[in-house]
Amino acid sequence: MVFIKRITAVVTAFALAVVTQGASLTAFSEGDVSEADSITKAAIVTEVSTGQVLYEHNSHERLPMASVTKLMCLLIWAEEMEKGTFGMDTVITATARANAMDGSVIWLNVGEEMSAYDMIRSVVIASANDACVAVCEYIAGTEEMFVERMNKRAQELGMSDTHYDNCVGFDSDTHYTSAYDTALLSAAVSEYDCYNEFFATRLDYVREGERQTQLLNTNKLMQRYDGIIGGKTGTTDKAGCCLAVWAKRGNMKLCAVALGCKESEQRFTACTDLLNHGFSGFELYRTAVDSDVLTPVTVTEGLEKQADIRVKRLNTIVIPKGSSKRIEYTHTVVDSLSAPVQYGEKVGEVRASLDGEEIFYSDIVTTGEVGELNFFSSLLIIIRRFFSM
């Protein structure tokens, strides 16, 4: 069994993405998620591919994170494995720093060698602090240097309400995150499938013989909720009971985060309600513009009489289920252009609204260049026509 040296066990929690187009759908909320408000300090459910927020409660409040911290470790490890820095078969040697860790551990001895596979699954399944430090030290040299990378990566992801002091999640006044930032980070982690085997494992072991150590996954939703892919629990005295999970049904992947619950079971209730709210109330919708909107624009004094146009960006967005017929498109396009015309020149706008709320916007732009008609270009045209006769 994974041993707990500390009264307040530091475990792990998981959770999405940057909205580039479309509004938050909180205004369109359907279904009851009021209990999530009452039993969490902060909560959020987002759609992973679009980053759209489907429901949020105090989502930008800075809160202690417990082992949600380890999500950033998992992201950096996955990125390093993708670059070939190390692999699951890499042998890692435990240091004195790793051996000194308390909380949830697998009792690594100084100098003990273990594969990255065994260390990482110990972190994902049972939030082993000693294994986490060992892997971080292998990559960066020291835990402090790895923490610097964690904070830099957080900035790159746009996690403006997050700061790390350590790599395992011990409580500190300057070690915090938010539900929204956890969702952003979780979206990045969910792009990698190298941990899915571990996320889905309820019970496992590392080592053999007398030192065999049990790894127990405390995320009950892995067996309870249809479509669950990954996630982790986390608990400390200051952070309370936390949970972040992601699940997929059909073509939609959602992430739910619950922070600061007073009792363990409350985090599972909150995330279940948040996921149900998302899957039952929303669907993905691909924006589209009728071709008659995109008729070529007249060009005056140009080498060509017309310029072809297109919508600069068409997006997949999240809308309330069954509401697509209520979406209304409006557009404006200039009557004509004067040469010269540049590639990608803005000629109009297209917008879509649902029940009076704008859900999509894009520029309409030219697809190519049109040169200006002048004396020399006119002479060149005459010469070409003469020799083509």
Protein backbone atom coordinates (compact mmCIF):
# COMPACT_ATOMS: atom_id res chain seq x y z
CA MET A 1 0.00 0.00 0.00
CA VAL A 2 1.19 3.58 -0.66
CA PHE A 3 2.20 4.89 2.76
CA ILE A 4 1.18 8.28 4.14
CA LYS A 5 3.87 9.92 6.31
CA ARG A 6 1.94 13.12 6.70
CA ILE A 7 -1.47 13.72 8.29
CA THR A 8 -2.56 15.81 5.31
CA ALA A 9 -1.99 13.62 2.30
CA VAL A 10 -1.03 15.38 -0.90
CA VAL A 11 -2.72 13.62 -3.79
CA THR A 12 -3.44 14.71 -7.40
CA ALA A 13 -6.23 16.39 -9.35
CA PHE A 14 -6.72 16.90 -13.07
CA ALA A 15 -8.41 19.10 -15.49
CA LEU A 16 -8.79 23.22 -20.50
CA ALA A 17 -8.17 25.55 -23.34
CA VAL A 18 -8.17 28.97 -24.76
CA VAL A 19 -11.36 30.42 -26.26
CA THR A 20 -10.56 32.00 -29.62
CA GLN A 21 -14.08 32.57 -30.90
CA GLY A 22 -17.55 32.44 -29.41
CA ALA A 23 -18.91 33.57 -26.07
CA SER A 24 -19.12 31.82 -22.74
CA LEU A 25 -22.28 29.73 -22.64
CA THR A 26 -23.07 30.35 -18.99
CA ALA A 27 -25.97 32.52 -20.14
CA PHE A 28 -27.47 29.50 -21.93
CA SER A 29 -27.14 27.16 -18.95
CA GLU A 30 -29.70 24.43 -18.68
CA GLY A 31 -30.04 21.86 -15.93
CA ASP A 32 -29.33 22.03 -12.21
CA VAL A 33 -25.74 22.55 -11.13
CA SER A 34 -26.64 24.59 -8.06
CA GLU A 35 -25.28 21.88 -5.75
CA ALA A 36 -21.85 22.31 -7.31
CA ASP A 37 -21.98 25.96 -6.25
CA SER A 38 -22.85 25.08 -2.68
CA ILE A 39 -20.31 22.30 -2.11
CA THR A 40 -17.26 23.74 -3.90
CA LYS A 41 -15.19 26.87 -3.49
CA ALA A 42 -14.73 26.95 -7.26
CA ALA A 43 -15.97 24.86 -10.17
CA ILE A 44 -16.00 24.85 -13.95
CA VAL A 45 -16.94 22.67 -16.90
CA THR A 46 -15.46 23.37 -20.33
CA GLU A 47 -15.47 21.82 -23.80
CA VAL A 48 -11.90 20.85 -24.58
CA SER A 49 -11.57 21.39 -28.33
CA THR A 50 -13.03 24.90 -28.26
CA GLY A 51 -12.15 25.93 -24.71
CA GLN A 52 -15.66 27.27 -24.24
CA VAL A 53 -16.92 27.60 -20.69
CA LEU A 54 -20.25 25.83 -20.23
CA TYR A 55 -20.60 26.66 -16.55
CA GLU A 56 -18.40 28.33 -13.95
CA HIS A 57 -18.44 29.24 -10.28
CA ASN A 58 -15.63 31.42 -8.85
CA SER A 59 -13.49 30.00 -11.65
CA HIS A 60 -10.74 32.65 -11.39
CA GLU A 61 -10.39 32.62 -7.60
CA ARG A 62 -6.86 31.76 -6.46
CA LEU A 63 -6.95 28.67 -4.27
CA PRO A 64 -4.47 26.15 -2.86
CA MET A 65 -4.06 23.31 -5.35
CA ALA A 66 -2.74 20.23 -3.51
CA SER A 67 -1.50 17.72 -6.07
CA VAL A 68 -3.26 19.42 -8.96
CA THR A 69 0.32 20.69 -9.13
CA LYS A 70 1.37 17.39 -10.66
CA LEU A 71 -0.68 18.12 -13.78
CA MET A 72 2.03 20.53 -14.84
CA CYS A 73 4.64 17.85 -14.16
CA LEU A 74 2.71 15.41 -16.35
CA LEU A 75 2.48 17.94 -19.16
CA ILE A 76 6.19 18.73 -19.14
CA TRP A 77 7.08 15.02 -18.90
CA ALA A 78 4.85 14.21 -21.88
CA GLU A 79 6.42 17.02 -23.90
CA GLU A 80 9.91 15.78 -23.00
CA MET A 81 9.03 12.22 -23.98
CA GLU A 82 7.66 13.50 -27.28
CA LYS A 83 10.99 15.24 -27.90
CA GLY A 84 12.86 12.04 -27.06
CA THR A 85 14.55 13.34 -23.90
CA PHE A 86 13.53 10.19 -22.08
CA GLY A 87 11.03 7.35 -22.37
CA MET A 88 8.96 5.03 -20.22
CA ASP A 89 11.84 2.52 -20.26
CA THR A 90 14.38 5.08 -18.98
CA VAL A 91 15.93 4.04 -15.65
CA ILE A 92 15.76 6.80 -13.02
CA THR A 93 17.78 6.82 -9.80
CA ALA A 94 16.17 8.11 -6.61
CA THR A 95 18.03 10.95 -4.87
CA ALA A 96 18.20 11.93 -1.21
CA ARG A 97 15.71 14.72 -1.99
CA ALA A 98 13.22 12.19 -3.35
CA ASN A 99 13.78 9.88 -0.38
CA ALA A 100 13.06 12.75 2.02
CA MET A 101 9.58 13.40 0.63
CA ASP A 102 6.60 12.82 2.89
CA GLY A 103 2.90 12.60 2.16
CA SER A 104 1.93 9.93 -0.34
CA VAL A 105 5.07 7.95 -1.25
CA ILE A 106 6.28 4.59 -2.54
CA TRP A 107 9.24 4.58 -0.13
CA LEU A 108 12.07 5.13 -2.63
CA ASN A 109 15.52 4.46 -1.13
CA VAL A 110 18.47 6.69 -1.95
CA GLY A 111 20.13 5.23 -5.05
CA GLU A 112 17.18 2.95 -5.86
CA GLU A 113 16.67 2.51 -9.59
CA MET A 114 13.24 2.28 -11.14
CA SER A 115 11.89 2.66 -14.67
CA ALA A 116 10.16 5.90 -15.63
CA TYR A 117 7.12 3.72 -16.37
CA ASP A 118 6.89 2.58 -12.75
CA MET A 119 7.63 6.01 -11.32
CA ILE A 120 5.14 7.83 -13.54
CA ARG A 121 2.33 5.35 -12.93
CA SER A 122 3.02 5.70 -9.21
CA VAL A 123 2.50 9.45 -9.61
CA VAL A 124 -0.62 9.22 -11.78
CA ILE A 125 -2.37 6.45 -9.85
CA ALA A 126 -1.28 7.17 -6.28
CA SER A 127 0.29 10.65 -6.42
CA ALA A 128 3.64 9.44 -5.10
CA ASN A 129 5.62 12.52 -4.10
CA ASP A 130 9.00 10.79 -3.99
CA ALA A 131 8.58 9.39 -7.51
CA CYS A 132 7.45 12.81 -8.75
CA VAL A 133 10.55 14.53 -7.40
CA ALA A 134 12.80 11.82 -8.84
CA VAL A 135 11.42 12.28 -12.36
CA CYS A 136 11.57 16.08 -12.12
CA GLU A 137 15.17 15.97 -10.93
CA TYR A 138 16.08 13.63 -13.77
CA ILE A 139 14.73 16.11 -16.31
CA ALA A 140 15.87 19.44 -14.85
CA GLY A 141 18.69 18.57 -12.44
CA THR A 142 16.98 19.92 -9.31
CA GLU A 143 13.41 20.39 -8.15
CA GLU A 144 13.97 24.16 -8.01
CA MET A 145 15.02 24.25 -11.66
CA PHE A 146 12.03 22.14 -12.64
CA VAL A 147 9.69 24.49 -10.75
CA GLU A 148 11.08 27.37 -12.81
CA ARG A 149 10.04 25.47 -15.93
CA MET A 150 6.60 24.86 -14.44
CA ASN A 151 6.00 28.57 -13.90
CA LYS A 152 7.30 29.43 -17.36
CA ARG A 153 5.02 26.83 -18.98
CA ALA A 154 2.08 28.16 -16.97
CA GLN A 155 2.68 31.64 -18.42
CA GLU A 156 2.84 30.18 -21.93
CA LEU A 157 -0.54 28.51 -21.42
CA GLY A 158 -2.12 31.75 -20.18
CA MET A 159 -2.52 30.54 -16.58
CA SER A 160 -2.61 34.00 -15.02
CA ASP A 161 -3.86 32.83 -11.61
CA THR A 162 -1.28 30.11 -10.98
CA HIS A 163 2.11 30.06 -9.24
CA TYR A 164 4.18 27.04 -8.21
CA ASP A 165 6.57 26.77 -5.24
CA ASN A 166 7.20 23.03 -5.49
CA CYS A 167 6.53 20.16 -7.86
CA VAL A 168 4.37 17.96 -5.62
CA GLY A 169 1.70 20.29 -4.21
CA PHE A 170 2.60 21.02 -0.60
CA ASP A 171 0.59 23.95 0.78
CA SER A 172 2.15 27.41 0.67
CA ASP A 173 0.76 30.95 0.58
CA THR A 174 2.40 31.44 -2.81
CA HIS A 175 1.44 28.07 -4.28
CA TYR A 176 -1.97 28.43 -5.90
CA THR A 177 -4.13 27.97 -8.98
CA SER A 178 -7.74 28.50 -10.12
CA ALA A 179 -10.41 26.24 -11.55
CA TYR A 180 -10.10 27.99 -14.91
CA ASP A 181 -6.32 27.60 -15.01
CA THR A 182 -6.68 23.96 -14.03
CA ALA A 183 -9.00 23.52 -17.00
CA LEU A 184 -6.48 25.15 -19.33
CA LEU A 185 -3.74 22.88 -18.08
CA SER A 186 -5.93 19.80 -18.22
CA ALA A 187 -6.77 20.47 -21.85
CA ALA A 188 -3.08 20.41 -22.66
CA VAL A 189 -2.51 17.16 -20.72
CA SER A 190 -5.55 15.51 -22.32
CA GLU A 191 -3.91 15.85 -25.74
CA TYR A 192 -1.49 13.10 -24.70
CA ASP A 193 -2.65 9.50 -24.39
CA CYS A 194 0.54 8.17 -22.74
CA TYR A 195 -1.12 8.32 -19.31
CA ASN A 196 -4.55 6.89 -20.18
CA GLU A 197 -3.58 3.39 -19.02
CA PHE A 198 -2.66 4.78 -15.61
CA PHE A 199 -5.73 7.01 -15.31
CA ALA A 200 -7.97 3.97 -15.85
CA THR A 201 -6.15 1.77 -13.34
CA ARG A 202 -7.90 1.31 -10.03
CA LEU A 203 -5.33 -0.92 -8.29
CA ASP A 204 -1.75 -1.83 -9.19
CA TYR A 205 1.64 -2.58 -7.65
CA VAL A 206 5.29 -1.58 -8.06
CA ARG A 207 8.22 -3.80 -7.11
CA GLU A 208 7.98 -7.46 -6.20
CA GLY A 209 8.60 -9.48 -3.07
CA GLU A 210 8.80 -7.99 0.41
CA ARG A 211 8.94 -4.37 -0.86
CA GLN A 212 5.94 -4.70 -3.15
CA THR A 213 3.96 -1.45 -2.87
CA GLN A 214 0.28 -1.00 -3.63
CA LEU A 215 -0.97 1.85 -5.83
CA LEU A 216 -4.60 2.74 -5.21
CA ASN A 217 -6.53 5.20 -7.39
CA THR A 218 -9.04 7.17 -5.32
CA ASN A 219 -10.87 8.66 -8.33
CA LYS A 220 -14.21 6.88 -8.04
CA LEU A 221 -15.56 8.43 -11.25
CA MET A 222 -13.23 6.24 -13.32
CA GLN A 223 -15.61 3.36 -12.62
CA ARG A 224 -18.80 5.37 -12.14
CA TYR A 225 -19.05 7.71 -15.10
CA ASP A 226 -19.59 6.70 -18.73
CA GLY A 227 -16.97 8.10 -21.07
CA ILE A 228 -14.41 9.12 -18.45
CA ILE A 229 -10.85 9.27 -19.82
CA GLY A 230 -8.66 10.72 -17.10
CA GLY A 231 -8.54 12.59 -13.86
CA LYS A 232 -7.23 12.62 -10.31
CA THR A 233 -8.22 13.45 -6.78
CA GLY A 234 -6.30 15.78 -4.49
CA THR A 235 -6.55 16.63 -0.81
CA THR A 236 -4.77 18.78 1.75
CA ASP A 237 -5.95 20.65 4.83
CA LYS A 238 -5.89 24.02 3.04
CA ALA A 239 -7.07 22.82 -0.38
CA GLY A 240 -9.87 20.59 0.86
CA CYS A 241 -11.04 17.76 -1.37
CA CYS A 242 -10.49 18.41 -5.08
CA LEU A 243 -11.19 16.60 -8.31
CA ALA A 244 -10.64 17.30 -11.97
CA VAL A 245 -11.69 14.91 -14.71
CA TRP A 246 -12.17 14.80 -18.45
CA ALA A 247 -14.63 12.62 -20.34
CA LYS A 248 -15.70 12.11 -23.95
CA ARG A 249 -19.06 11.21 -25.46
CA GLY A 250 -19.50 11.26 -29.21
CA ASN A 251 -17.36 14.05 -30.65
CA MET A 252 -17.41 16.21 -27.54
CA LYS A 253 -14.80 16.10 -24.77
CA LEU A 254 -15.51 17.91 -21.51
CA CYS A 255 -13.44 18.78 -18.49
CA ALA A 256 -14.92 19.32 -15.04
CA VAL A 257 -13.08 20.78 -12.06
CA ALA A 258 -14.21 21.00 -8.43
CA LEU A 259 -11.94 22.68 -5.86
CA GLY A 260 -12.29 23.14 -2.13
CA CYS A 261 -14.94 20.58 -1.16
CA LYS A 262 -15.24 19.85 2.56
CA GLU A 263 -15.95 16.14 2.14
CA SER A 264 -14.49 13.61 -0.28
CA GLU A 265 -17.76 12.45 -1.84
CA GLN A 266 -18.79 16.03 -2.63
CA ARG A 267 -16.12 16.36 -5.33
CA PHE A 268 -17.51 13.35 -7.19
CA THR A 269 -21.06 14.69 -6.91
CA ALA A 270 -20.01 18.11 -8.18
CA CYS A 271 -18.05 16.81 -11.18
CA THR A 272 -20.82 14.36 -12.08
CA ASP A 273 -23.34 17.22 -12.12
CA LEU A 274 -20.99 19.41 -14.15
CA LEU A 275 -20.35 16.71 -16.76
CA ASN A 276 -24.04 15.83 -16.97
CA HIS A 277 -24.81 19.51 -17.46
CA GLY A 278 -22.41 19.67 -20.36
CA PHE A 279 -23.26 16.45 -22.14
CA SER A 280 -27.04 16.75 -21.76
CA GLY A 281 -27.30 20.45 -22.51
CA PHE A 282 -24.81 21.21 -25.30
CA GLU A 283 -23.54 20.08 -28.68
CA LEU A 284 -20.82 21.04 -31.17
CA TYR A 285 -21.83 23.17 -34.16
CA ARG A 286 -19.77 24.07 -37.23
CA THR A 287 -20.35 27.61 -38.45
CA ALA A 288 -21.15 27.93 -42.15
CA VAL A 289 -21.87 30.79 -44.56
CA ASP A 290 -24.05 30.53 -47.68
CA SER A 291 -22.14 30.73 -50.93
CA ASP A 292 -24.28 33.62 -52.21
CA VAL A 293 -22.72 35.79 -49.50
CA LEU A 294 -19.32 35.22 -51.05
CA THR A 295 -19.93 36.48 -54.58
CA PRO A 296 -16.86 38.22 -56.09
CA VAL A 297 -16.47 41.95 -55.44
CA THR A 298 -16.12 44.40 -58.33
CA VAL A 299 -12.66 45.96 -58.70
CA THR A 300 -12.27 49.34 -60.38
CA GLU A 301 -9.13 50.31 -62.31
CA GLY A 302 -7.69 46.84 -61.79
CA LEU A 303 -6.01 44.24 -63.96
CA GLU A 304 -8.93 41.98 -63.02
CA LYS A 305 -12.56 43.10 -62.92
CA GLN A 306 -13.38 41.12 -59.78
CA ALA A 307 -11.80 39.84 -56.58
CA ASP A 308 -12.83 36.52 -55.03
CA ILE A 309 -13.60 36.56 -51.32
CA ARG A 310 -13.90 34.12 -48.43
CA VAL A 311 -14.71 33.98 -44.74
CA LYS A 312 -11.40 34.33 -42.93
CA ARG A 313 -12.28 31.88 -40.17
CA LEU A 314 -15.03 29.29 -39.73
CA ASN A 315 -15.14 27.73 -36.28
CA THR A 316 -16.60 24.81 -34.43
CA ILE A 317 -18.44 26.19 -31.41
CA VAL A 318 -20.60 24.84 -28.59
CA ILE A 319 -24.31 25.63 -28.56
CA PRO A 320 -27.27 24.47 -26.47
CA LYS A 321 -28.66 21.21 -27.80
CA GLY A 322 -31.36 21.64 -30.43
CA SER A 323 -30.77 25.36 -30.87
CA SER A 324 -29.06 25.39 -34.28
CA LYS A 325 -32.26 26.37 -36.10
CA ARG A 326 -32.41 29.55 -34.02
CA ILE A 327 -28.98 30.75 -35.16
CA GLU A 328 -29.17 33.86 -37.32
CA TYR A 329 -26.38 35.06 -39.63
CA THR A 330 -25.81 38.65 -40.72
CA HIS A 331 -23.12 39.96 -43.05
CA THR A 332 -21.82 43.10 -44.71
CA VAL A 333 -19.62 43.25 -47.84
CA VAL A 334 -18.33 46.34 -49.67
CA ASP A 335 -19.86 47.13 -53.07
CA SER A 336 -16.52 47.55 -54.83
CA LEU A 337 -12.76 47.85 -54.36
CA SER A 338 -10.19 50.12 -55.97
CA ALA A 339 -7.02 48.52 -57.26
CA PRO A 340 -4.50 47.59 -56.10
CA VAL A 341 -6.12 44.89 -53.93
CA GLN A 342 -4.01 42.98 -51.43
CA TYR A 343 -4.32 39.32 -50.48
CA GLY A 344 -6.37 38.95 -47.29
CA GLU A 345 -7.74 42.50 -47.52
CA LYS A 346 -10.84 42.95 -45.37
CA VAL A 347 -14.00 43.51 -47.42
CA GLY A 348 -16.71 42.70 -44.88
CA GLU A 349 -17.85 40.92 -41.76
CA VAL A 350 -20.06 37.97 -40.89
CA ARG A 351 -21.72 37.44 -37.52
CA ALA A 352 -23.95 34.78 -35.99
CA SER A 353 -26.24 35.19 -33.01
CA LEU A 354 -28.35 32.87 -30.92
CA ASP A 355 -31.34 34.30 -29.10
CA GLY A 356 -29.82 37.77 -29.40
CA GLU A 357 -26.36 36.78 -28.13
CA GLU A 358 -23.44 36.92 -30.58
CA ILE A 359 -21.75 33.52 -30.79
CA PHE A 360 -19.51 33.95 -33.85
CA TYR A 361 -17.67 36.67 -35.74
CA SER A 362 -15.22 36.69 -38.64
CA ASP A 363 -13.84 39.06 -41.24
CA ILE A 364 -14.55 38.46 -44.91
CA VAL A 365 -11.34 38.86 -46.91
CA THR A 366 -10.00 38.65 -50.45
CA THR A 367 -8.45 35.39 -51.65
CA GLY A 368 -5.80 36.94 -53.92
CA GLU A 369 -4.20 40.12 -55.26
CA VAL A 370 -5.43 42.40 -58.07
CA GLY A 371 -2.87 44.75 -59.61
CA GLU A 372 -3.57 48.35 -60.58
CA LEU A 373 -4.34 49.16 -64.21
CA ASN A 374 -1.95 51.91 -65.42
CA PHE A 375 -0.22 52.98 -68.66
CA PHE A 376 2.52 50.34 -68.50
CA SER A 377 0.23 47.47 -67.46
CA SER A 378 -2.25 48.49 -70.20
CA LEU A 379 0.56 48.53 -72.79
CA LEU A 380 1.69 45.08 -71.63
CA ILE A 381 -1.84 43.74 -72.05
CA ILE A 382 -2.05 45.16 -75.61
CA ILE A 383 1.32 43.58 -76.54
CA ARG A 384 0.32 40.20 -75.15
CA ARG A 385 -2.97 40.23 -77.03
CA PHE A 386 -1.19 41.23 -80.24
CA PHE A 387 1.26 38.32 -80.11
CA SER A 388 -1.46 35.84 -79.10
CA MET A 389 -3.45 36.57 -82.26
